[in-house]
Each structure stands twice: as structure tokens, then as C-alpha cells.
């Protein structure tokens, strides 16, 4: 891969990660169809691109992460730990299943396209937001983690699906946004280690 190609992919990742349009899916489509990178390699590289996103999240939510480290027994800390555990329950099997299925460029593009459509349909759902971070239950955390695990699939927006689930479960938008990005850190680290 040329330096300019890596720079373009980094810019694409930087723009699309903050939108509910699956940065991984967009990056893989670009790598497969425009750069001619084999789908399995594109899958691995798209996971690696999330390191930049993780650093941005750590900087943006540095005060919250300091609070997590200082207050090990806080609700936010529990949310991160429980959701990370349940993310592994769905994420690891899907990673192992789909990593080997990315063989042909056209087949991979069609699969990513279908997952993008499913993500778009999911984003239509909303709930009545009346609860905050401190009101989250163990069930909320588990559901959040299980849903986040599906985002290992390119075309499933991690931020879009987690935000939608949090809103559907009655979490206020500003809290949902913060939680969605904070729980991404262990998920990104796990995916990078796995890959």
C-alpha cells in the first residue's frame, strides 16, 4: 500500500467513524473496489484504522476515563466492563466466521451493502429518553455489549447500532453518545488483538 493510499483511508476513517454509516464498511469498499486490496486484507486493515479513532475518543473523553480509573466502582466503569464482556460473546464468533468468508471482491461488496441497508433500517427506531448513565441496569449493559459485537461486521455501524439501542432503552441522547464512544475503546483493543 502506498503512503497516499493509507492517508486517504485514514481521512475516510476519520470522517465516517463519527457518522452512523459504518466506517469499516466504507473503508473496505474503498480498499476492495478502488485500491484492489484483497477482502481479507482489507478487513484486517479496516480494523487497524480504528486505532486512530480510539486515540481520538481517549482524548475527547479524557475526563470520563480519568473518572473510570479513579472510581473503579462507578456505574460507568461497570458499563464499560460488562459491555466489553458481552461484546466478546458476539464479536469473536462473528469475527472468526466472517474473516474467512471474505474471499471475492464482488461477494464482499454485496455483503457489506446488505449490512449497510440493515444498519439503515435499524437507525429508524427511537425510544423515549428519560434515563441517564446512573440509571443503566445490568440488562442495558449486556444488550449494549451484545449489539456492539455485531459491529465487527463491515457494514454494521458500531456507533449507530449502540446509540440506537441506548435510545431505545430510554437513555438520554447526550449520555448515549458518551457511552457509545467510551465502550468502543475496549472493543477496538480487543478487535486489534484478535486480528
N, C-alpha and C. Protein backbone atom coordinates (compact mmCIF):
# COMPACT_ATOMS: atom_id res chain seq x y z
N UNK A 1 0.84 -1.18 0.00
CA UNK A 1 0.00 0.00 0.00
C UNK A 1 0.89 1.24 0.00
N UNK A 2 0.55 2.18 -0.86
CA UNK A 2 1.29 3.44 -0.96
C UNK A 2 0.92 4.35 0.22
N UNK A 3 1.81 5.30 0.52
CA UNK A 3 1.57 6.23 1.63
C UNK A 3 0.30 7.04 1.38
N UNK A 4 0.12 7.50 0.13
CA UNK A 4 -1.06 8.33 -0.16
C UNK A 4 -2.35 7.53 0.02
N UNK A 5 -2.30 6.21 -0.26
CA UNK A 5 -3.48 5.37 -0.08
C UNK A 5 -3.82 5.25 1.42
N UNK A 6 -2.79 5.06 2.22
CA UNK A 6 -3.00 5.00 3.67
C UNK A 6 -3.56 6.31 4.20
N UNK A 7 -3.06 7.44 3.66
CA UNK A 7 -3.55 8.75 4.10
C UNK A 7 -5.02 8.94 3.73
N UNK A 8 -5.38 8.53 2.51
CA UNK A 8 -6.78 8.64 2.07
C UNK A 8 -7.68 7.78 2.95
N UNK A 9 -7.24 6.56 3.25
CA UNK A 9 -8.04 5.67 4.10
C UNK A 9 -8.16 6.23 5.52
N UNK A 10 -7.10 6.84 6.02
CA UNK A 10 -7.15 7.47 7.34
C UNK A 10 -8.13 8.62 7.38
N UNK A 11 -8.14 9.43 6.33
CA UNK A 11 -9.10 10.54 6.24
C UNK A 11 -10.53 10.00 6.15
N UNK A 12 -10.73 8.97 5.33
CA UNK A 12 -12.05 8.35 5.21
C UNK A 12 -12.51 7.82 6.57
N UNK A 13 -11.62 7.16 7.29
CA UNK A 13 -11.94 6.65 8.63
C UNK A 13 -12.29 7.80 9.58
N UNK A 14 -11.50 8.85 9.53
CA UNK A 14 -11.72 9.99 10.41
C UNK A 14 -13.06 10.66 10.20
N UNK A 15 -13.52 10.68 8.97
CA UNK A 15 -14.81 11.30 8.66
C UNK A 15 -15.97 10.36 8.99
N UNK A 16 -15.86 9.11 8.57
CA UNK A 16 -17.00 8.20 8.66
C UNK A 16 -17.21 7.59 10.04
N UNK A 17 -16.18 7.56 10.89
CA UNK A 17 -16.33 6.94 12.21
C UNK A 17 -17.37 7.67 13.05
N UNK A 18 -17.48 8.96 12.89
CA UNK A 18 -18.38 9.74 13.74
C UNK A 18 -19.80 9.78 13.18
N UNK A 19 -20.02 9.15 12.06
CA UNK A 19 -21.35 9.08 11.45
C UNK A 19 -21.84 7.64 11.52
N UNK A 20 -23.15 7.44 11.59
CA UNK A 20 -23.66 6.06 11.70
C UNK A 20 -23.74 5.35 10.34
N UNK A 21 -22.58 5.32 9.64
CA UNK A 21 -22.57 4.73 8.30
C UNK A 21 -21.51 3.65 8.14
N UNK A 22 -21.01 3.10 9.22
CA UNK A 22 -20.02 2.03 9.24
C UNK A 22 -18.71 2.42 8.54
N UNK A 23 -17.82 2.98 9.32
CA UNK A 23 -16.51 3.35 8.77
C UNK A 23 -15.77 2.12 8.25
N UNK A 24 -15.96 1.00 8.93
CA UNK A 24 -15.31 -0.24 8.50
C UNK A 24 -15.83 -0.67 7.12
N UNK A 25 -17.14 -0.59 6.95
CA UNK A 25 -17.75 -0.94 5.67
C UNK A 25 -17.31 -0.01 4.55
N UNK A 26 -17.30 1.29 4.83
CA UNK A 26 -16.89 2.27 3.81
C UNK A 26 -15.42 2.07 3.43
N UNK A 27 -14.59 1.83 4.46
CA UNK A 27 -13.16 1.61 4.20
C UNK A 27 -12.92 0.35 3.38
N UNK A 28 -13.65 -0.72 3.71
CA UNK A 28 -13.47 -1.97 2.96
C UNK A 28 -13.92 -1.82 1.51
N UNK A 29 -15.03 -1.14 1.29
CA UNK A 29 -15.50 -0.92 -0.09
C UNK A 29 -14.44 -0.16 -0.88
N UNK A 30 -13.87 0.88 -0.25
CA UNK A 30 -12.83 1.66 -0.93
C UNK A 30 -11.60 0.81 -1.21
N UNK A 31 -11.18 0.01 -0.23
CA UNK A 31 -9.97 -0.80 -0.41
C UNK A 31 -10.17 -1.88 -1.46
N UNK A 32 -11.31 -2.54 -1.45
CA UNK A 32 -11.56 -3.63 -2.39
C UNK A 32 -11.77 -3.12 -3.80
N UNK A 33 -12.63 -2.12 -3.96
CA UNK A 33 -13.05 -1.69 -5.29
C UNK A 33 -12.16 -0.63 -5.93
N UNK A 34 -11.52 0.22 -5.13
CA UNK A 34 -10.70 1.28 -5.71
C UNK A 34 -9.22 0.99 -5.63
N UNK A 35 -8.80 0.29 -4.57
CA UNK A 35 -7.37 0.04 -4.40
C UNK A 35 -6.96 -1.39 -4.73
N UNK A 36 -7.94 -2.25 -4.98
CA UNK A 36 -7.65 -3.62 -5.37
C UNK A 36 -7.06 -4.49 -4.27
N UNK A 37 -7.31 -4.13 -3.02
CA UNK A 37 -6.79 -4.90 -1.89
C UNK A 37 -7.69 -6.11 -1.68
N UNK A 38 -7.13 -7.31 -1.49
CA UNK A 38 -7.96 -8.49 -1.24
C UNK A 38 -8.86 -8.29 -0.02
N UNK A 39 -10.09 -8.82 -0.05
CA UNK A 39 -11.05 -8.58 1.04
C UNK A 39 -10.54 -8.94 2.44
N UNK A 40 -9.85 -10.05 2.60
CA UNK A 40 -9.37 -10.44 3.94
C UNK A 40 -8.36 -9.42 4.47
N UNK A 41 -7.48 -8.92 3.59
CA UNK A 41 -6.51 -7.90 4.00
C UNK A 41 -7.21 -6.58 4.29
N UNK A 42 -8.21 -6.25 3.47
CA UNK A 42 -8.97 -5.02 3.70
C UNK A 42 -9.69 -5.07 5.04
N UNK A 43 -10.20 -6.26 5.39
CA UNK A 43 -10.88 -6.44 6.68
C UNK A 43 -9.91 -6.16 7.82
N UNK A 44 -8.72 -6.74 7.75
CA UNK A 44 -7.73 -6.53 8.81
C UNK A 44 -7.30 -5.07 8.89
N UNK A 45 -7.07 -4.46 7.74
CA UNK A 45 -6.61 -3.07 7.75
C UNK A 45 -7.70 -2.14 8.26
N UNK A 46 -8.97 -2.44 7.93
CA UNK A 46 -10.07 -1.59 8.41
C UNK A 46 -10.19 -1.66 9.93
N UNK A 47 -9.87 -2.81 10.52
CA UNK A 47 -9.86 -2.92 11.98
C UNK A 47 -8.72 -2.09 12.54
N UNK A 48 -7.55 -2.16 11.90
CA UNK A 48 -6.37 -1.42 12.36
C UNK A 48 -6.61 0.10 12.32
N UNK A 49 -7.40 0.57 11.35
CA UNK A 49 -7.68 2.00 11.23
C UNK A 49 -8.39 2.56 12.46
N UNK A 50 -9.05 1.68 13.22
CA UNK A 50 -9.77 2.13 14.41
C UNK A 50 -8.84 2.57 15.54
N UNK A 51 -7.53 2.31 15.42
CA UNK A 51 -6.58 2.81 16.42
C UNK A 51 -6.63 4.33 16.50
N UNK A 52 -6.71 4.97 15.33
CA UNK A 52 -6.81 6.44 15.29
C UNK A 52 -8.08 6.93 15.96
N UNK A 53 -9.17 6.24 15.68
CA UNK A 53 -10.44 6.59 16.30
C UNK A 53 -10.36 6.43 17.82
N UNK A 54 -9.74 5.34 18.26
CA UNK A 54 -9.62 5.09 19.69
C UNK A 54 -8.82 6.21 20.37
N UNK A 55 -7.76 6.67 19.73
CA UNK A 55 -6.97 7.75 20.31
C UNK A 55 -7.80 9.04 20.40
N UNK A 56 -8.61 9.30 19.37
CA UNK A 56 -9.47 10.48 19.39
C UNK A 56 -10.50 10.39 20.52
N UNK A 57 -11.06 9.21 20.73
CA UNK A 57 -12.04 9.01 21.81
C UNK A 57 -11.36 9.20 23.17
N UNK A 58 -10.15 8.66 23.33
CA UNK A 58 -9.43 8.81 24.60
C UNK A 58 -9.15 10.28 24.91
N UNK A 59 -8.84 11.05 23.87
CA UNK A 59 -8.58 12.48 24.07
C UNK A 59 -9.88 13.23 24.37
N UNK A 60 -10.90 12.97 23.56
CA UNK A 60 -12.18 13.68 23.72
C UNK A 60 -12.83 13.40 25.08
N UNK A 61 -12.79 12.16 25.53
CA UNK A 61 -13.44 11.77 26.78
C UNK A 61 -12.42 11.50 27.89
N UNK A 62 -11.32 12.24 27.89
CA UNK A 62 -10.25 12.02 28.86
C UNK A 62 -10.72 12.20 30.30
N UNK A 63 -11.62 13.15 30.54
CA UNK A 63 -12.12 13.37 31.91
C UNK A 63 -12.94 12.17 32.38
N UNK A 64 -13.76 11.63 31.49
CA UNK A 64 -14.56 10.45 31.83
C UNK A 64 -13.67 9.24 32.09
N UNK A 65 -12.61 9.08 31.29
CA UNK A 65 -11.69 7.95 31.50
C UNK A 65 -10.92 8.10 32.81
N UNK A 66 -10.56 9.35 33.16
CA UNK A 66 -9.93 9.58 34.46
C UNK A 66 -10.87 9.17 35.59
N UNK A 67 -12.15 9.51 35.44
CA UNK A 67 -13.15 9.12 36.43
C UNK A 67 -13.30 7.61 36.53
N UNK A 68 -13.21 6.93 35.39
CA UNK A 68 -13.30 5.45 35.40
C UNK A 68 -12.14 4.86 36.18
N UNK A 69 -10.95 5.40 35.97
CA UNK A 69 -9.76 4.89 36.66
C UNK A 69 -9.83 5.19 38.16
N UNK A 70 -10.31 6.38 38.52
CA UNK A 70 -10.37 6.78 39.93
C UNK A 70 -11.48 6.07 40.68
N UNK A 71 -12.62 5.90 40.03
CA UNK A 71 -13.78 5.29 40.68
C UNK A 71 -14.05 3.94 40.05
N UNK A 72 -13.34 2.94 40.48
CA UNK A 72 -13.47 1.59 39.92
C UNK A 72 -14.89 1.05 40.11
N UNK A 73 -15.57 1.53 41.13
CA UNK A 73 -16.90 1.02 41.45
C UNK A 73 -18.03 1.86 40.84
N UNK A 74 -17.71 2.74 39.89
CA UNK A 74 -18.75 3.61 39.33
C UNK A 74 -19.62 2.86 38.32
N UNK A 75 -20.77 3.43 38.04
CA UNK A 75 -21.71 2.84 37.07
C UNK A 75 -21.10 2.84 35.66
N UNK A 76 -20.36 3.90 35.32
CA UNK A 76 -19.73 3.97 34.01
C UNK A 76 -18.66 2.89 33.86
N UNK A 77 -17.89 2.65 34.91
CA UNK A 77 -16.88 1.58 34.88
C UNK A 77 -17.55 0.23 34.67
N UNK A 78 -18.64 -0.01 35.41
CA UNK A 78 -19.37 -1.27 35.26
C UNK A 78 -19.92 -1.41 33.85
N UNK A 79 -20.41 -0.31 33.29
CA UNK A 79 -20.94 -0.33 31.93
C UNK A 79 -19.86 -0.73 30.93
N UNK A 80 -18.67 -0.17 31.08
CA UNK A 80 -17.56 -0.50 30.18
C UNK A 80 -17.18 -1.97 30.31
N UNK A 81 -17.04 -2.46 31.54
CA UNK A 81 -16.60 -3.84 31.76
C UNK A 81 -17.65 -4.84 31.28
N UNK A 82 -18.90 -4.64 31.68
CA UNK A 82 -19.96 -5.59 31.30
C UNK A 82 -20.19 -5.57 29.80
N UNK A 83 -20.24 -4.39 29.20
CA UNK A 83 -20.47 -4.33 27.75
C UNK A 83 -19.29 -4.94 26.98
N UNK A 84 -18.06 -4.77 27.49
CA UNK A 84 -16.89 -5.38 26.82
C UNK A 84 -17.00 -6.90 26.84
N UNK A 85 -17.41 -7.45 27.98
CA UNK A 85 -17.57 -8.91 28.09
C UNK A 85 -18.60 -9.41 27.08
N UNK A 86 -19.75 -8.76 27.02
CA UNK A 86 -20.80 -9.21 26.11
C UNK A 86 -20.48 -8.89 24.64
N UNK A 87 -19.66 -7.88 24.40
CA UNK A 87 -19.19 -7.62 23.04
C UNK A 87 -18.38 -8.81 22.53
N UNK A 88 -17.55 -9.36 23.40
CA UNK A 88 -16.75 -10.54 23.04
C UNK A 88 -17.61 -11.75 22.72
N UNK A 89 -18.75 -11.89 23.40
CA UNK A 89 -19.63 -13.04 23.17
C UNK A 89 -20.16 -13.06 21.74
N UNK A 90 -20.50 -11.90 21.21
CA UNK A 90 -20.98 -11.88 19.81
C UNK A 90 -19.86 -11.56 18.83
N UNK A 91 -18.94 -10.69 19.24
CA UNK A 91 -17.92 -10.22 18.31
C UNK A 91 -16.92 -11.27 17.89
N UNK A 92 -16.45 -12.08 18.83
CA UNK A 92 -15.42 -13.08 18.50
C UNK A 92 -15.94 -14.13 17.52
N UNK A 93 -17.11 -14.74 17.77
CA UNK A 93 -17.60 -15.72 16.78
C UNK A 93 -17.85 -15.11 15.40
N UNK A 94 -18.41 -13.89 15.36
CA UNK A 94 -18.64 -13.26 14.05
C UNK A 94 -17.34 -12.93 13.35
N UNK A 95 -16.34 -12.51 14.12
CA UNK A 95 -15.02 -12.25 13.53
C UNK A 95 -14.47 -13.53 12.89
N UNK A 96 -14.47 -14.62 13.65
CA UNK A 96 -13.92 -15.88 13.15
C UNK A 96 -14.72 -16.41 11.97
N UNK A 97 -16.02 -16.25 11.98
CA UNK A 97 -16.87 -16.72 10.90
C UNK A 97 -16.68 -15.91 9.63
N UNK A 98 -16.66 -14.59 9.76
CA UNK A 98 -16.63 -13.75 8.58
C UNK A 98 -15.24 -13.46 8.06
N UNK A 99 -14.22 -13.57 8.88
CA UNK A 99 -12.85 -13.33 8.42
C UNK A 99 -12.50 -14.25 7.25
N UNK A 100 -12.93 -15.51 7.34
CA UNK A 100 -12.65 -16.47 6.27
C UNK A 100 -13.60 -16.37 5.10
N UNK A 101 -14.75 -15.72 5.30
CA UNK A 101 -15.73 -15.66 4.21
C UNK A 101 -15.46 -14.53 3.23
N UNK A 102 -14.56 -13.60 3.58
CA UNK A 102 -14.23 -12.53 2.66
C UNK A 102 -13.22 -13.04 1.64
N UNK A 103 -13.73 -13.55 0.54
CA UNK A 103 -12.85 -14.10 -0.49
C UNK A 103 -12.94 -13.28 -1.77
N UNK A 104 -14.11 -13.19 -2.36
CA UNK A 104 -14.27 -12.46 -3.61
C UNK A 104 -14.65 -11.01 -3.37
N UNK A 105 -14.12 -10.11 -4.20
CA UNK A 105 -14.41 -8.69 -4.06
C UNK A 105 -15.87 -8.35 -4.23
N UNK A 106 -16.52 -8.93 -5.26
CA UNK A 106 -17.93 -8.62 -5.51
C UNK A 106 -18.82 -9.18 -4.41
N UNK A 107 -18.52 -10.41 -3.98
CA UNK A 107 -19.32 -11.02 -2.90
C UNK A 107 -19.19 -10.21 -1.62
N UNK A 108 -17.99 -9.76 -1.31
CA UNK A 108 -17.78 -8.97 -0.10
C UNK A 108 -18.50 -7.64 -0.19
N UNK A 109 -18.46 -7.01 -1.36
CA UNK A 109 -19.14 -5.73 -1.54
C UNK A 109 -20.64 -5.88 -1.38
N UNK A 110 -21.21 -6.95 -1.93
CA UNK A 110 -22.65 -7.20 -1.79
C UNK A 110 -23.00 -7.42 -0.32
N UNK A 111 -22.21 -8.23 0.38
CA UNK A 111 -22.46 -8.49 1.80
C UNK A 111 -22.40 -7.19 2.61
N UNK A 112 -21.39 -6.38 2.37
CA UNK A 112 -21.27 -5.10 3.07
C UNK A 112 -22.46 -4.21 2.75
N UNK A 113 -22.87 -4.18 1.49
CA UNK A 113 -24.03 -3.39 1.09
C UNK A 113 -25.30 -3.81 1.82
N UNK A 114 -25.52 -5.12 1.93
CA UNK A 114 -26.70 -5.62 2.65
C UNK A 114 -26.65 -5.23 4.12
N UNK A 115 -25.47 -5.32 4.73
CA UNK A 115 -25.34 -4.94 6.14
C UNK A 115 -25.53 -3.43 6.33
N UNK A 116 -25.12 -2.63 5.35
CA UNK A 116 -25.36 -1.18 5.41
C UNK A 116 -26.86 -0.88 5.37
N UNK A 117 -27.58 -1.61 4.53
CA UNK A 117 -29.03 -1.43 4.45
C UNK A 117 -29.69 -1.81 5.78
N UNK A 118 -29.27 -2.95 6.36
CA UNK A 118 -29.82 -3.36 7.66
C UNK A 118 -29.53 -2.32 8.74
N UNK A 119 -28.34 -1.75 8.73
CA UNK A 119 -28.00 -0.71 9.69
C UNK A 119 -28.91 0.49 9.50
N UNK A 120 -29.13 0.88 8.25
CA UNK A 120 -30.02 2.00 7.96
C UNK A 120 -31.42 1.77 8.48
N UNK A 121 -31.92 0.55 8.33
CA UNK A 121 -33.26 0.23 8.84
C UNK A 121 -33.30 0.30 10.36
N UNK A 122 -32.24 -0.17 11.02
CA UNK A 122 -32.19 -0.13 12.47
C UNK A 122 -32.20 1.30 13.00
N UNK A 123 -31.55 2.20 12.28
CA UNK A 123 -31.43 3.58 12.74
C UNK A 123 -32.77 4.32 12.77
N UNK A 124 -33.80 3.74 12.21
CA UNK A 124 -35.12 4.38 12.21
C UNK A 124 -35.80 4.29 13.57
N UNK A 125 -35.37 3.37 14.42
CA UNK A 125 -36.03 3.16 15.71
C UNK A 125 -35.54 4.16 16.75
N UNK A 126 -36.47 4.62 17.57
CA UNK A 126 -36.15 5.53 18.67
C UNK A 126 -36.96 5.12 19.89
N UNK A 127 -36.55 5.62 21.02
CA UNK A 127 -37.29 5.35 22.26
C UNK A 127 -37.56 6.66 22.99
N UNK A 128 -38.16 6.57 24.15
CA UNK A 128 -38.41 7.74 24.99
C UNK A 128 -37.24 7.88 25.95
N UNK A 129 -36.44 8.91 25.75
CA UNK A 129 -35.21 9.09 26.54
C UNK A 129 -35.54 9.79 27.85
N UNK A 130 -35.38 9.08 28.94
CA UNK A 130 -35.67 9.67 30.25
C UNK A 130 -34.65 9.26 31.30
N UNK A 131 -33.72 8.37 30.96
CA UNK A 131 -32.76 7.86 31.94
C UNK A 131 -31.34 8.31 31.58
N UNK A 132 -30.49 8.35 32.61
CA UNK A 132 -29.10 8.71 32.42
C UNK A 132 -28.17 7.53 32.63
N UNK A 133 -26.89 7.79 32.63
CA UNK A 133 -25.88 6.75 32.81
C UNK A 133 -26.07 6.01 34.13
N UNK A 134 -26.39 6.75 35.18
CA UNK A 134 -26.52 6.14 36.51
C UNK A 134 -27.73 5.24 36.62
N UNK A 135 -28.66 5.36 35.67
CA UNK A 135 -29.88 4.54 35.70
C UNK A 135 -29.74 3.24 34.91
N UNK A 136 -28.59 3.02 34.30
CA UNK A 136 -28.42 1.83 33.48
C UNK A 136 -28.43 0.57 34.33
N UNK A 137 -29.13 -0.44 33.84
CA UNK A 137 -29.20 -1.73 34.53
C UNK A 137 -28.20 -2.70 33.91
N UNK A 138 -28.02 -3.83 34.57
CA UNK A 138 -27.16 -4.87 34.04
C UNK A 138 -27.67 -5.36 32.68
N UNK A 139 -28.99 -5.43 32.53
CA UNK A 139 -29.58 -5.83 31.25
C UNK A 139 -29.24 -4.83 30.15
N UNK A 140 -29.32 -3.53 30.47
CA UNK A 140 -28.95 -2.49 29.49
C UNK A 140 -27.51 -2.70 29.03
N UNK A 141 -26.62 -2.94 29.98
CA UNK A 141 -25.19 -3.11 29.67
C UNK A 141 -24.94 -4.36 28.82
N UNK A 142 -25.64 -5.44 29.16
CA UNK A 142 -25.46 -6.69 28.42
C UNK A 142 -25.97 -6.55 26.99
N UNK A 143 -27.16 -5.97 26.83
CA UNK A 143 -27.73 -5.78 25.49
C UNK A 143 -26.81 -4.88 24.66
N UNK A 144 -26.32 -3.81 25.29
CA UNK A 144 -25.41 -2.90 24.61
C UNK A 144 -24.17 -3.62 24.10
N UNK A 145 -23.58 -4.46 24.95
CA UNK A 145 -22.39 -5.21 24.55
C UNK A 145 -22.67 -6.21 23.45
N UNK A 146 -23.78 -6.94 23.56
CA UNK A 146 -24.13 -7.92 22.52
C UNK A 146 -24.30 -7.24 21.16
N UNK A 147 -24.96 -6.09 21.16
CA UNK A 147 -25.18 -5.36 19.91
C UNK A 147 -23.86 -4.82 19.36
N UNK A 148 -23.01 -4.31 20.25
CA UNK A 148 -21.72 -3.80 19.78
C UNK A 148 -20.89 -4.89 19.11
N UNK A 149 -21.02 -6.14 19.57
CA UNK A 149 -20.27 -7.24 18.98
C UNK A 149 -20.57 -7.45 17.51
N UNK A 150 -21.80 -7.12 17.10
CA UNK A 150 -22.16 -7.26 15.68
C UNK A 150 -21.40 -6.28 14.79
N UNK A 151 -20.87 -5.21 15.39
CA UNK A 151 -20.21 -4.18 14.58
C UNK A 151 -18.85 -4.63 14.06
N UNK A 152 -18.40 -5.83 14.43
CA UNK A 152 -17.18 -6.37 13.82
C UNK A 152 -17.43 -6.64 12.34
N UNK A 153 -18.71 -6.77 11.97
CA UNK A 153 -19.09 -6.99 10.57
C UNK A 153 -19.05 -5.67 9.82
N UNK A 154 -18.29 -5.59 8.73
CA UNK A 154 -18.24 -4.35 7.96
C UNK A 154 -19.61 -4.08 7.34
N UNK A 155 -20.11 -2.89 7.58
CA UNK A 155 -21.45 -2.52 7.13
C UNK A 155 -22.39 -2.32 8.30
N UNK A 156 -22.03 -2.84 9.46
CA UNK A 156 -22.80 -2.60 10.68
C UNK A 156 -22.11 -1.46 11.43
N UNK A 157 -22.81 -0.34 11.55
CA UNK A 157 -22.23 0.82 12.22
C UNK A 157 -22.21 0.60 13.72
N UNK A 158 -21.02 0.62 14.31
CA UNK A 158 -20.90 0.44 15.75
C UNK A 158 -21.58 1.57 16.51
N UNK A 159 -21.25 2.80 16.13
CA UNK A 159 -21.86 3.93 16.83
C UNK A 159 -23.36 4.00 16.57
N UNK A 160 -23.77 3.74 15.33
CA UNK A 160 -25.19 3.80 15.00
C UNK A 160 -26.02 2.77 15.75
N UNK A 161 -25.53 1.53 15.81
CA UNK A 161 -26.31 0.48 16.48
C UNK A 161 -26.31 0.67 18.00
N UNK A 162 -25.16 1.05 18.58
CA UNK A 162 -25.13 1.22 20.03
C UNK A 162 -25.96 2.43 20.46
N UNK A 163 -25.88 3.52 19.70
CA UNK A 163 -26.70 4.69 20.01
C UNK A 163 -28.18 4.36 19.91
N UNK A 164 -28.56 3.67 18.86
CA UNK A 164 -29.96 3.32 18.67
C UNK A 164 -30.47 2.45 19.82
N UNK A 165 -29.68 1.46 20.21
CA UNK A 165 -30.09 0.58 21.31
C UNK A 165 -30.20 1.36 22.62
N UNK A 166 -29.25 2.24 22.88
CA UNK A 166 -29.33 3.04 24.10
C UNK A 166 -30.56 3.94 24.10
N UNK A 167 -30.85 4.56 22.97
CA UNK A 167 -32.04 5.41 22.87
C UNK A 167 -33.32 4.59 23.02
N UNK A 168 -33.33 3.39 22.40
CA UNK A 168 -34.50 2.52 22.53
C UNK A 168 -34.71 2.08 23.98
N UNK A 169 -33.63 1.98 24.74
CA UNK A 169 -33.73 1.56 26.14
C UNK A 169 -33.93 2.76 27.07
N UNK A 170 -34.18 3.94 26.50
CA UNK A 170 -34.56 5.11 27.29
C UNK A 170 -33.43 5.96 27.82
N UNK A 171 -32.21 5.76 27.32
CA UNK A 171 -31.08 6.57 27.78
C UNK A 171 -31.07 7.89 27.01
N UNK A 172 -30.84 8.98 27.73
CA UNK A 172 -30.82 10.31 27.11
C UNK A 172 -29.73 10.40 26.04
N UNK A 173 -29.98 11.21 25.03
CA UNK A 173 -29.10 11.28 23.86
C UNK A 173 -27.66 11.64 24.22
N UNK A 174 -27.46 12.65 25.08
CA UNK A 174 -26.08 13.06 25.40
C UNK A 174 -25.34 11.96 26.16
N UNK A 175 -26.05 11.27 27.06
CA UNK A 175 -25.43 10.15 27.77
C UNK A 175 -25.16 8.98 26.82
N UNK A 176 -26.11 8.72 25.92
CA UNK A 176 -25.96 7.62 24.96
C UNK A 176 -24.74 7.85 24.07
N UNK A 177 -24.55 9.07 23.64
CA UNK A 177 -23.41 9.39 22.78
C UNK A 177 -22.09 9.14 23.51
N UNK A 178 -22.01 9.62 24.76
CA UNK A 178 -20.79 9.42 25.54
C UNK A 178 -20.52 7.94 25.77
N UNK A 179 -21.54 7.21 26.21
CA UNK A 179 -21.38 5.79 26.49
C UNK A 179 -20.97 5.03 25.24
N UNK A 180 -21.60 5.34 24.12
CA UNK A 180 -21.32 4.65 22.87
C UNK A 180 -19.84 4.75 22.50
N UNK A 181 -19.26 5.92 22.64
CA UNK A 181 -17.87 6.08 22.25
C UNK A 181 -16.91 5.56 23.32
N UNK A 182 -17.26 5.68 24.58
CA UNK A 182 -16.37 5.17 25.64
C UNK A 182 -16.26 3.65 25.57
N UNK A 183 -17.37 2.96 25.32
CA UNK A 183 -17.29 1.49 25.26
C UNK A 183 -16.60 0.99 24.00
N UNK A 184 -16.33 1.91 23.07
CA UNK A 184 -15.62 1.49 21.85
C UNK A 184 -14.16 1.17 22.12
N UNK A 185 -13.58 1.76 23.16
CA UNK A 185 -12.14 1.59 23.40
C UNK A 185 -11.77 0.14 23.66
N UNK A 186 -12.41 -0.56 24.63
CA UNK A 186 -12.05 -1.97 24.81
C UNK A 186 -12.42 -2.82 23.60
N UNK A 187 -13.48 -2.45 22.88
CA UNK A 187 -13.87 -3.21 21.68
C UNK A 187 -12.80 -3.09 20.60
N UNK A 188 -12.28 -1.90 20.39
CA UNK A 188 -11.23 -1.69 19.39
C UNK A 188 -9.96 -2.44 19.79
N UNK A 189 -9.57 -2.32 21.06
CA UNK A 189 -8.38 -3.04 21.52
C UNK A 189 -8.54 -4.55 21.35
N UNK A 190 -9.72 -5.06 21.68
CA UNK A 190 -9.99 -6.49 21.53
C UNK A 190 -9.92 -6.95 20.09
N UNK A 191 -10.50 -6.13 19.18
CA UNK A 191 -10.50 -6.49 17.76
C UNK A 191 -9.08 -6.49 17.19
N UNK A 192 -8.28 -5.53 17.61
CA UNK A 192 -6.90 -5.44 17.12
C UNK A 192 -6.08 -6.63 17.62
N UNK A 193 -6.25 -6.98 18.89
CA UNK A 193 -5.54 -8.14 19.44
C UNK A 193 -5.99 -9.41 18.72
N UNK A 194 -7.29 -9.54 18.50
CA UNK A 194 -7.83 -10.72 17.83
C UNK A 194 -7.31 -10.86 16.41
N UNK A 195 -7.20 -9.72 15.72
CA UNK A 195 -6.78 -9.75 14.32
C UNK A 195 -5.27 -9.89 14.21
